[in-house]
């Protein structure tokens, strides 16, 4: 008897990476943005991924978040423990979710089809997008304020534009800088991940150097590193008056929650990066 005909394979595994050979016939299931990334399209090196993490971790929002721990009444080592614990908690789901992107090259909206279904996956995708919009607004505001400050140093008259009038709390220079920084971000998003890879690789060393310079400036202004570590703030003294359980509930647990919340959404769509 002639051998039974076998259908052509739809996937191929190479070096631990699974590639899709045949796209689904239903256009609702795939488009250029949702298609799995092939092995040949994965051009990001270890350095590019490390630079991406530097860009996400060494930034003003993380500085603000860490400083809030000290401002809430923690000393430096309590803040370090809180940061470490929060990152360890979010590390497990991040690594597990990253496997789908690493092995299969699928983005988060496709990965979400496994628990939610094809149509149901729109719900977590939209929810994640809304959170991303809010976070993008925060980042853009911070970047816009930095841009406005730099322009003000070069052109002192810049900060006087608009006569101090405000709209929703922002002056005219702040609004112009916000829109300018927003357009700069949109440009790199429009150009795609390759432009982001180039930008992050260029900016990562600069961010690290600026971080070290900022640490040196802050410790020098405060009288030295030991002075910073040993000097208790008034807020820390107030926190010391709390009992163990009260301190856990009012200072420590909110701090850990803030650390987890900072990276929690990224742990969902980490397949987009891996």
Protein backbone atom coordinates (compact mmCIF):
# COMPACT_ATOMS: atom_id res chain seq x y z
CA UNK A 1 0.00 0.00 0.00
CA UNK A 2 1.28 3.50 -0.74
CA UNK A 3 2.38 5.46 2.33
CA UNK A 4 -0.18 7.79 3.78
CA UNK A 5 0.36 11.39 2.77
CA UNK A 6 1.69 13.65 5.50
CA UNK A 7 0.88 17.32 5.81
CA UNK A 8 3.74 19.79 5.65
CA UNK A 9 5.08 20.90 9.06
CA UNK A 10 3.85 24.27 10.27
CA UNK A 11 6.69 24.93 12.73
CA UNK A 12 10.42 24.38 12.89
CA UNK A 13 12.70 24.26 15.90
CA UNK A 14 16.26 25.51 15.61
CA UNK A 15 18.69 26.13 18.47
CA UNK A 16 15.83 25.94 20.95
CA UNK A 17 13.76 28.54 19.06
CA UNK A 18 10.44 27.57 17.48
CA UNK A 19 9.58 29.29 14.18
CA UNK A 20 6.20 29.42 12.47
CA UNK A 21 6.47 28.22 8.86
CA UNK A 22 2.84 28.62 7.78
CA UNK A 23 0.76 31.61 8.85
CA UNK A 24 -2.86 30.97 9.95
CA UNK A 25 -5.43 31.38 7.20
CA UNK A 26 -7.74 33.42 9.43
CA UNK A 27 -6.68 37.10 9.19
CA UNK A 28 -8.10 37.69 12.68
CA UNK A 29 -5.34 35.52 14.11
CA UNK A 30 -2.32 37.27 12.66
CA UNK A 31 -0.97 40.49 11.19
CA UNK A 32 2.55 41.91 10.79
CA UNK A 33 2.53 43.16 14.40
CA UNK A 34 1.32 39.86 15.89
CA UNK A 35 3.29 37.39 13.79
CA UNK A 36 6.00 35.48 15.68
CA UNK A 37 9.51 36.85 15.32
CA UNK A 38 11.68 34.49 13.31
CA UNK A 39 15.19 33.52 14.40
CA UNK A 40 16.72 35.63 11.62
CA UNK A 41 14.79 38.69 12.81
CA UNK A 42 16.17 38.47 16.34
CA UNK A 43 19.05 40.87 15.91
CA UNK A 44 19.31 42.07 19.52
CA UNK A 45 22.54 41.02 21.20
CA UNK A 46 23.25 40.58 24.91
CA UNK A 47 24.58 44.13 24.98
CA UNK A 48 21.40 45.50 23.38
CA UNK A 49 19.21 43.73 25.95
CA UNK A 50 21.46 44.87 28.81
CA UNK A 51 21.30 48.44 27.50
CA UNK A 52 17.50 48.20 27.37
CA UNK A 53 17.39 47.18 31.04
CA UNK A 54 19.77 50.00 31.95
CA UNK A 55 17.42 52.43 30.23
CA UNK A 56 14.44 51.09 32.16
CA UNK A 57 16.16 50.84 35.54
CA UNK A 58 18.51 53.85 35.61
CA UNK A 59 16.05 56.70 35.21
CA UNK A 60 14.41 59.50 37.15
CA UNK A 61 11.28 57.48 38.13
CA UNK A 62 13.42 54.83 39.85
CA UNK A 63 15.35 57.57 41.65
CA UNK A 64 12.05 59.09 42.80
CA UNK A 65 10.71 55.70 43.89
CA UNK A 66 13.83 54.90 45.93
CA UNK A 67 13.89 58.34 47.52
CA UNK A 68 10.27 57.93 48.59
CA UNK A 69 11.29 54.91 50.67
CA UNK A 70 13.75 57.05 52.62
CA UNK A 71 11.25 59.87 52.85
CA UNK A 72 8.67 57.45 54.29
CA UNK A 73 11.00 56.77 57.21
CA UNK A 74 13.34 53.98 56.12
CA UNK A 75 17.09 54.12 56.53
CA UNK A 76 19.36 53.19 53.63
CA UNK A 77 19.62 49.45 54.38
CA UNK A 78 15.88 49.06 54.97
CA UNK A 79 15.27 50.73 51.61
CA UNK A 80 17.78 48.40 49.92
CA UNK A 81 16.08 45.33 51.41
CA UNK A 82 12.68 46.61 50.30
CA UNK A 83 13.91 47.21 46.76
CA UNK A 84 15.55 43.78 46.60
CA UNK A 85 12.49 41.96 47.96
CA UNK A 86 10.12 43.76 45.61
CA UNK A 87 12.26 42.89 42.61
CA UNK A 88 12.59 39.25 43.70
CA UNK A 89 8.80 38.94 44.01
CA UNK A 90 8.21 40.21 40.49
CA UNK A 91 11.15 38.28 39.04
CA UNK A 92 9.40 34.88 39.08
CA UNK A 93 6.36 35.79 36.92
CA UNK A 94 8.58 37.87 34.68
CA UNK A 95 10.93 34.96 33.94
CA UNK A 96 8.04 32.51 33.45
CA UNK A 97 6.16 34.82 31.07
CA UNK A 98 9.36 35.68 29.20
CA UNK A 99 9.74 32.03 28.14
CA UNK A 100 6.92 32.36 25.59
CA UNK A 101 8.65 35.23 23.83
CA UNK A 102 12.10 33.65 24.01
CA UNK A 103 11.14 30.23 22.67
CA UNK A 104 8.23 31.01 20.36
CA UNK A 105 8.82 34.65 19.46
CA UNK A 106 5.23 35.63 20.22
CA UNK A 107 4.18 39.01 21.68
CA UNK A 108 2.02 39.48 24.75
CA UNK A 109 -1.36 39.77 22.92
CA UNK A 110 -0.76 36.37 21.31
CA UNK A 111 0.50 34.82 24.55
CA UNK A 112 -2.66 36.06 26.30
CA UNK A 113 -4.77 33.89 23.98
CA UNK A 114 -3.73 30.79 25.93
CA UNK A 115 -5.67 31.69 29.12
CA UNK A 116 -8.20 34.17 27.67
CA UNK A 117 -8.95 32.88 24.17
CA UNK A 118 -8.63 34.75 20.88
CA UNK A 119 -11.34 37.33 21.58
CA UNK A 120 -10.86 37.38 25.33
CA UNK A 121 -7.19 38.29 24.91
CA UNK A 122 -8.31 41.76 23.82
CA UNK A 123 -9.27 42.52 27.44
CA UNK A 124 -5.79 42.14 29.02
CA UNK A 125 -4.22 43.72 25.94
CA UNK A 126 -6.37 46.84 26.23
CA UNK A 127 -5.90 46.97 30.01
CA UNK A 128 -2.14 46.78 29.57
CA UNK A 129 -2.25 49.46 26.87
CA UNK A 130 -4.20 51.84 29.13
CA UNK A 131 -1.65 51.41 31.92
CA UNK A 132 1.13 51.97 29.38
CA UNK A 133 -0.53 55.22 28.25
CA UNK A 134 -0.57 56.49 31.82
CA UNK A 135 3.04 55.47 32.41
CA UNK A 136 4.06 57.06 29.10
CA UNK A 137 2.43 60.29 30.27
CA UNK A 138 4.42 60.23 33.53
CA UNK A 139 7.68 59.57 31.70
CA UNK A 140 6.93 62.26 29.13
CA UNK A 141 6.14 64.80 31.84
CA UNK A 142 9.44 64.09 33.61
CA UNK A 143 11.36 64.25 30.33
CA UNK A 144 9.56 67.44 29.34
CA UNK A 145 10.43 69.12 32.64
CA UNK A 146 14.08 68.13 32.19
CA UNK A 147 14.02 69.50 28.64
CA UNK A 148 12.41 72.74 29.82
CA UNK A 149 15.04 73.14 32.54
CA UNK A 150 17.89 72.66 30.04
CA UNK A 151 16.37 75.18 27.64
CA UNK A 152 15.94 77.60 30.55
CA UNK A 153 19.65 77.34 31.37
CA UNK A 154 20.59 78.17 27.78
CA UNK A 155 17.87 80.79 27.30
CA UNK A 156 16.72 82.38 30.59
CA UNK A 157 13.80 84.08 28.88
CA UNK A 158 12.31 80.69 28.05
CA UNK A 159 10.89 80.17 31.54
CA UNK A 160 9.13 83.56 31.38
CA UNK A 161 7.07 82.66 28.30
CA UNK A 162 3.36 82.91 28.94
CA UNK A 163 3.79 85.23 31.90
CA UNK A 164 3.46 82.42 34.43
CA UNK A 165 -0.07 81.47 33.34
CA UNK A 166 -0.88 77.80 33.87
CA UNK A 167 -3.23 75.22 32.39
CA UNK A 168 -3.89 72.10 34.50
CA UNK A 169 -0.86 73.08 36.55
CA UNK A 170 1.64 73.47 33.70
CA UNK A 171 3.07 76.72 32.35
CA UNK A 172 3.51 77.44 28.65
CA UNK A 173 7.22 76.42 28.63
CA UNK A 174 6.31 73.17 30.37
CA UNK A 175 3.59 72.43 27.81
CA UNK A 176 5.89 73.19 24.88
CA UNK A 177 8.64 71.00 26.33
CA UNK A 178 6.11 68.24 27.08
CA UNK A 179 4.88 68.24 23.48
CA UNK A 180 8.43 68.38 22.14
CA UNK A 181 9.53 65.42 24.24
CA UNK A 182 6.34 63.57 23.27
CA UNK A 183 7.09 64.07 19.58
CA UNK A 184 10.64 62.82 20.10
CA UNK A 185 9.29 59.64 21.69
CA UNK A 186 6.71 59.15 18.96
CA UNK A 187 9.45 59.43 16.33
CA UNK A 188 11.42 56.54 17.81
CA UNK A 189 8.25 54.47 18.29
CA UNK A 190 7.31 55.11 14.65
CA UNK A 191 10.75 54.04 13.45
CA UNK A 192 10.38 50.70 15.26
CA UNK A 193 12.43 48.56 17.59
CA UNK A 194 15.65 48.95 15.61
CA UNK A 195 15.72 52.68 16.37
CA UNK A 196 15.00 51.93 20.04
CA UNK A 197 17.87 49.44 20.02
CA UNK A 198 20.20 52.09 18.65
CA UNK A 199 19.02 54.72 21.14
CA UNK A 200 19.31 52.43 24.17
CA UNK A 201 22.76 51.20 23.17
CA UNK A 202 23.92 54.79 22.84
CA UNK A 203 22.27 56.05 26.03
CA UNK A 204 23.09 53.20 28.45
CA UNK A 205 26.74 54.15 29.13
CA UNK A 206 25.74 57.80 29.44
CA UNK A 207 23.00 56.95 31.96
CA UNK A 208 25.43 54.96 34.08
CA UNK A 209 27.99 57.77 34.04
CA UNK A 210 25.35 60.35 34.93
CA UNK A 211 24.13 58.11 37.76
CA UNK A 212 27.63 57.86 39.21
CA UNK A 213 28.16 61.61 38.81
CA UNK A 214 24.84 62.31 40.51
CA UNK A 215 25.80 60.03 43.42
CA UNK A 216 29.15 61.79 43.77
CA UNK A 217 27.50 65.23 43.71
CA UNK A 218 24.84 64.26 46.26
CA UNK A 219 27.29 62.66 48.72
CA UNK A 220 29.76 65.52 48.36
CA UNK A 221 27.04 68.08 49.00
CA UNK A 222 25.89 66.18 52.10
CA UNK A 223 29.39 65.89 53.57
CA UNK A 224 30.41 62.42 52.42
CA UNK A 225 28.93 58.96 51.96
CA UNK A 226 29.27 57.96 55.62
CA UNK A 227 27.42 61.09 56.65
CA UNK A 228 24.57 60.22 54.30
CA UNK A 229 24.36 56.65 55.60
CA UNK A 230 24.64 57.54 59.29
CA UNK A 231 22.50 60.64 59.45
CA UNK A 232 18.90 59.85 60.44
CA UNK A 233 16.19 62.07 59.01
CA UNK A 234 13.29 63.45 60.99
CA UNK A 235 10.99 61.13 59.08
CA UNK A 236 13.09 58.11 60.11
CA UNK A 237 12.87 59.20 63.72
CA UNK A 238 9.10 59.34 63.44
CA UNK A 239 9.06 55.87 61.88
CA UNK A 240 11.15 54.51 64.75
CA UNK A 241 8.31 55.40 67.12
CA UNK A 242 6.04 52.88 65.40
CA UNK A 243 5.71 49.36 66.75
CA UNK A 244 6.92 46.44 64.66
CA UNK A 245 3.50 45.60 63.22
CA UNK A 246 2.63 49.25 62.65
CA UNK A 247 5.93 49.83 60.84
CA UNK A 248 5.31 46.77 58.67
CA UNK A 249 1.83 47.96 57.75
CA UNK A 250 2.49 51.67 57.31
CA UNK A 251 6.03 51.75 55.88
CA UNK A 252 7.44 48.38 54.79
CA UNK A 253 4.48 46.74 53.02
CA UNK A 254 3.53 49.90 51.06
CA UNK A 255 7.17 50.15 50.01
CA UNK A 256 7.29 46.55 48.79
CA UNK A 257 3.96 47.06 47.00
CA UNK A 258 5.36 50.11 45.24
CA UNK A 259 8.41 48.13 44.11
CA UNK A 260 6.26 45.29 42.78
CA UNK A 261 3.85 47.69 41.12
CA UNK A 262 6.69 49.46 39.33
CA UNK A 263 7.58 46.29 37.36
CA UNK A 264 4.33 44.29 37.59
CA UNK A 265 2.90 45.43 34.27
CA UNK A 266 6.20 44.72 32.53
CA UNK A 267 6.07 41.15 33.84
CA UNK A 268 2.88 40.73 31.80
CA UNK A 269 4.16 41.93 28.44
CA UNK A 270 7.77 40.83 28.89
CA UNK A 271 7.35 38.50 25.84
CA UNK A 272 7.35 41.68 23.74
CA UNK A 273 10.98 42.19 24.78
CA UNK A 274 12.23 38.60 24.83
